[in-house]
Amino acid sequence: MFALRLAALVAATLATGLIAGVFYAYAISVMPALNRTDDRAMIDVMQKINVVIINPWFMLGFLGTVGFTLLAAALHLGKEHRTTLIWLAVALALNVIAFAVTSGLNVPLNDQLAAAGDPAQIGDLAKVRADFESAWVRWNILRAILHTLAFLVLTGALFVAGIQHGRAHAAGSVGAQQVSRVQSMPGVGPQTAGQHYRAPIMAQQYGFGPSGAQRTGAHSLA
């Protein structure tokens, strides 16, 4: 079960990191470069990008930011994973908000740009560009920041999950060593191990000394 939880957490972290990187690349290179081109070139390139980016590799990462994080959170339900679950809940909230920004703000702008048609046939290129570019860049920066924060939180969740697993493994190892030590005592088997722990307590309760003789005050009845 630990392997499945870890795999889901790694998948969520990887998907979120990849998508944060895509939007980061838009913010620091693609859009600044297009900002230096003329209206027709900018519209034409963005129309083409918006078509080719809808591919299985992008969609796996984009949908995985929410899907994999939700799966990881579901696999960490339980009191023993509460700390990791808190980190996952924060990351999930950030990814959901970023997903909503893309779906509710960037995608409608992409559709609006596509609806403008062939750049060679657009009458007012400057207006089409103005209605698209500044708003799209602003929302892209926001979603890049949100996904980046979610990536950092998921990295923290991985760290916390590793610490929790290490502590649980260490506690289990100590318990196993104690049981093994008791069972290795002469004449102590799995059924009698507990009796050897109870014998000294019973001797004290009923007044028996080390030799098994009962004591009454300072006199022995042996």
Protein backbone atom coordinates (compact mmCIF):
# COMPACT_ATOMS: atom_id res chain seq x y z
CA MET A 1 0.00 0.00 0.00
CA PHE A 2 2.89 2.35 0.72
CA ALA A 3 4.17 1.84 -2.82
CA LEU A 4 0.77 2.80 -4.28
CA ARG A 5 0.53 5.91 -2.10
CA LEU A 6 4.06 6.92 -3.06
CA ALA A 7 3.41 6.35 -6.77
CA ALA A 8 0.31 8.57 -6.69
CA LEU A 9 2.18 11.28 -4.81
CA VAL A 10 5.10 11.18 -7.25
CA ALA A 11 2.70 11.30 -10.23
CA ALA A 12 0.93 14.33 -8.76
CA THR A 13 4.23 16.09 -8.12
CA LEU A 14 5.57 15.32 -11.60
CA ALA A 15 2.38 16.39 -13.41
CA THR A 16 2.17 19.63 -11.44
CA GLY A 17 5.84 20.41 -12.01
CA LEU A 18 5.59 19.82 -15.75
CA ILE A 19 2.53 22.04 -16.19
CA ALA A 20 4.02 24.75 -13.98
CA GLY A 21 7.08 24.59 -16.26
CA VAL A 22 4.97 24.94 -19.42
CA PHE A 23 3.21 28.05 -18.12
CA TYR A 24 6.49 29.41 -16.74
CA ALA A 25 8.05 29.05 -20.20
CA TYR A 26 5.12 30.96 -21.70
CA ALA A 27 5.58 33.75 -19.15
CA ILE A 28 9.34 34.23 -19.53
CA SER A 29 9.98 33.42 -23.21
CA VAL A 30 7.06 32.72 -25.54
CA MET A 31 4.86 35.72 -24.74
CA PRO A 32 7.72 38.25 -24.38
CA ALA A 33 9.01 37.10 -27.80
CA LEU A 34 5.58 37.38 -29.41
CA ASN A 35 5.16 40.80 -27.85
CA ARG A 36 7.98 41.97 -30.12
CA THR A 37 6.30 40.78 -33.32
CA ASP A 38 3.68 42.51 -35.43
CA ASP A 39 -0.03 41.92 -34.90
CA ARG A 40 -0.49 39.40 -37.70
CA ALA A 41 2.50 37.27 -36.64
CA MET A 42 1.43 37.28 -32.99
CA ILE A 43 -2.14 36.20 -33.77
CA ASP A 44 -1.04 33.59 -36.29
CA VAL A 45 1.51 31.96 -33.95
CA MET A 46 -0.84 31.89 -30.96
CA GLN A 47 -3.62 30.35 -33.03
CA LYS A 48 -1.24 27.58 -34.08
CA ILE A 49 0.10 27.04 -30.55
CA ASN A 50 -3.43 26.72 -29.18
CA VAL A 51 -4.11 23.95 -31.69
CA VAL A 52 -0.94 21.87 -31.32
CA ILE A 53 -0.83 22.05 -27.52
CA ILE A 54 -4.04 19.99 -27.27
CA ASN A 55 -2.22 16.65 -27.39
CA PRO A 56 -2.16 13.57 -25.10
CA TRP A 57 1.11 14.54 -23.41
CA PHE A 58 -0.09 17.98 -22.39
CA MET A 59 -3.55 16.76 -21.40
CA LEU A 60 -2.11 13.97 -19.24
CA GLY A 61 -0.10 16.47 -17.25
CA PHE A 62 -2.80 19.15 -17.19
CA LEU A 63 -5.57 16.82 -16.02
CA GLY A 64 -3.10 15.00 -13.79
CA THR A 65 -2.44 18.12 -11.71
CA VAL A 66 -5.88 17.65 -10.19
CA GLY A 67 -6.50 13.95 -10.85
CA PHE A 68 -3.27 12.57 -9.44
CA THR A 69 -3.32 14.95 -6.46
CA LEU A 70 -6.89 13.91 -5.67
CA LEU A 71 -5.90 10.24 -5.92
CA ALA A 72 -2.91 10.77 -3.64
CA ALA A 73 -5.13 12.52 -1.09
CA ALA A 74 -7.68 9.69 -1.18
CA LEU A 75 -4.92 7.13 -0.58
CA HIS A 76 -3.67 9.09 2.44
CA LEU A 77 -6.97 9.18 4.28
CA GLY A 78 -6.57 8.00 7.86
CA LYS A 79 -5.27 9.28 11.16
CA GLU A 80 -1.79 7.86 10.62
CA HIS A 81 -1.36 9.94 7.43
CA ARG A 82 -3.00 13.12 8.67
CA THR A 83 0.07 15.35 8.31
CA THR A 84 0.71 14.28 4.72
CA LEU A 85 -3.00 14.66 3.96
CA ILE A 86 -2.93 18.30 5.08
CA TRP A 87 -0.13 19.04 2.63
CA LEU A 88 -2.01 17.24 -0.12
CA ALA A 89 -5.19 19.16 0.60
CA VAL A 90 -3.35 22.47 0.21
CA ALA A 91 -1.74 21.31 -3.06
CA LEU A 92 -5.09 20.09 -4.36
CA ALA A 93 -6.73 23.45 -3.62
CA LEU A 94 -3.94 25.30 -5.45
CA ASN A 95 -4.15 22.99 -8.46
CA VAL A 96 -7.92 23.25 -8.62
CA ILE A 97 -7.76 27.06 -8.60
CA ALA A 98 -5.09 27.04 -11.31
CA PHE A 99 -7.15 24.55 -13.35
CA ALA A 100 -10.14 26.89 -13.03
CA VAL A 101 -8.07 29.87 -14.20
CA THR A 102 -7.03 27.98 -17.32
CA SER A 103 -10.48 26.58 -18.08
CA GLY A 104 -12.45 29.69 -17.18
CA LEU A 105 -10.15 32.48 -18.38
CA ASN A 106 -7.34 31.38 -20.71
CA VAL A 107 -9.32 28.88 -22.76
CA PRO A 108 -12.18 31.32 -23.57
CA LEU A 109 -9.56 33.80 -24.77
CA ASN A 110 -8.04 31.09 -26.95
CA ASP A 111 -11.48 30.34 -28.40
CA GLN A 112 -12.05 34.04 -29.00
CA LEU A 113 -8.75 34.29 -30.87
CA ALA A 114 -9.57 31.23 -32.96
CA ALA A 115 -12.99 32.67 -33.82
CA ALA A 116 -11.31 35.74 -35.29
CA GLY A 117 -10.35 33.57 -38.26
CA ASP A 118 -7.44 33.71 -40.66
CA PRO A 119 -5.11 36.58 -39.73
CA ALA A 120 -4.84 37.47 -43.40
CA GLN A 121 -8.61 38.12 -43.46
CA ILE A 122 -8.93 40.02 -40.14
CA GLY A 123 -9.79 43.66 -40.67
CA ASP A 124 -8.61 45.10 -37.35
CA LEU A 125 -5.64 43.05 -36.23
CA ALA A 126 -4.67 45.50 -33.49
CA LYS A 127 -8.07 45.22 -31.78
CA VAL A 128 -8.07 41.42 -31.91
CA ARG A 129 -4.59 41.40 -30.40
CA ALA A 130 -5.45 43.95 -27.70
CA ASP A 131 -8.53 41.97 -26.68
CA PHE A 132 -6.42 38.83 -26.28
CA GLU A 133 -2.80 39.45 -25.36
CA SER A 134 -2.69 41.45 -22.11
CA ALA A 135 -5.49 39.47 -20.41
CA TRP A 136 -4.06 36.12 -21.51
CA VAL A 137 -0.57 37.00 -20.25
CA ARG A 138 -1.97 38.14 -16.89
CA TRP A 139 -3.94 34.94 -16.30
CA ASN A 140 -1.05 32.79 -17.51
CA ILE A 141 1.25 34.34 -14.90
CA LEU A 142 -1.35 33.66 -12.21
CA ARG A 143 -1.78 29.99 -13.13
CA ALA A 144 1.99 29.54 -13.39
CA ILE A 145 2.40 30.87 -9.84
CA LEU A 146 -0.41 28.68 -8.49
CA HIS A 147 0.93 25.49 -10.08
CA THR A 148 4.45 26.33 -8.90
CA LEU A 149 3.22 26.76 -5.33
CA ALA A 150 1.32 23.45 -5.62
CA PHE A 151 4.52 21.78 -6.85
CA LEU A 152 6.44 23.07 -3.82
CA VAL A 153 3.71 21.87 -1.46
CA LEU A 154 3.67 18.42 -3.09
CA THR A 155 7.44 18.24 -2.68
CA GLY A 156 6.88 18.95 1.00
CA ALA A 157 4.23 16.22 1.10
CA LEU A 158 6.75 13.75 -0.32
CA PHE A 159 9.24 14.72 2.38
CA VAL A 160 6.66 14.40 5.17
CA ALA A 161 5.39 11.07 3.83
CA GLY A 162 8.95 9.73 3.81
CA ILE A 163 9.52 10.80 7.41
CA GLN A 164 6.23 9.24 8.56
CA HIS A 165 7.02 5.97 6.79
CA GLY A 166 10.52 5.92 8.27
CA ARG A 167 9.20 6.42 11.80
CA ALA A 168 6.56 3.72 11.37
CA HIS A 169 9.17 1.31 9.99
CA ALA A 170 11.55 2.08 12.86
CA ALA A 171 8.83 1.56 15.45
CA GLY A 172 7.91 -1.77 13.86
CA SER A 173 11.54 -2.88 13.86
CA VAL A 174 11.95 -2.05 17.56
CA GLY A 175 8.79 -3.98 18.42
CA ALA A 176 9.93 -6.99 16.40
CA GLN A 177 13.34 -6.96 18.13
CA GLN A 178 11.72 -6.91 21.57
CA VAL A 179 9.47 -9.86 20.73
CA SER A 180 12.41 -11.76 19.25
CA ARG A 181 14.49 -11.12 22.36
CA VAL A 182 11.76 -12.45 24.66
CA GLN A 183 11.12 -15.51 22.52
CA SER A 184 14.84 -16.35 22.51
CA MET A 185 14.89 -16.66 26.32
CA PRO A 186 15.30 -20.29 27.55
CA GLY A 187 11.92 -21.96 28.00
CA VAL A 188 10.00 -19.02 26.56
CA GLY A 189 7.80 -19.67 23.57
CA PRO A 190 5.15 -17.54 21.87
CA GLN A 191 2.52 -18.67 24.43
CA THR A 192 4.71 -18.41 27.54
CA ALA A 193 6.44 -15.12 26.73
CA GLY A 194 3.74 -13.11 28.43
CA GLN A 195 3.81 -15.33 31.50
CA HIS A 196 7.47 -14.47 32.18
CA TYR A 197 6.51 -10.82 32.27
CA ARG A 198 3.60 -11.45 34.63
CA ALA A 199 5.43 -13.80 37.04
CA PRO A 200 7.44 -11.14 38.93
CA ILE A 201 4.32 -9.00 39.31
CA MET A 202 2.30 -11.92 40.73
CA ALA A 203 5.14 -12.82 43.11
CA GLN A 204 5.14 -9.32 44.50
CA GLN A 205 1.34 -9.28 44.85
CA TYR A 206 1.18 -12.60 46.77
CA GLY A 207 4.35 -12.11 48.84
CA PHE A 208 6.59 -14.70 47.23
CA GLY A 209 10.31 -14.17 47.31
CA PRO A 210 12.84 -15.16 44.67
CA SER A 211 12.74 -18.81 45.84
CA GLY A 212 8.96 -19.00 45.58
CA ALA A 213 8.38 -19.12 49.37
CA GLN A 214 5.59 -16.92 50.69
CA ARG A 215 6.57 -14.22 53.13
CA THR A 216 4.49 -13.08 56.09
CA GLY A 217 6.11 -10.03 57.55
CA ALA A 218 9.67 -11.05 58.52
CA HIS A 219 8.88 -14.81 58.91
CA SER A 220 9.08 -17.42 56.21
CA LEU A 221 6.55 -20.28 56.08
CA ALA A 222 8.88 -22.44 54.07
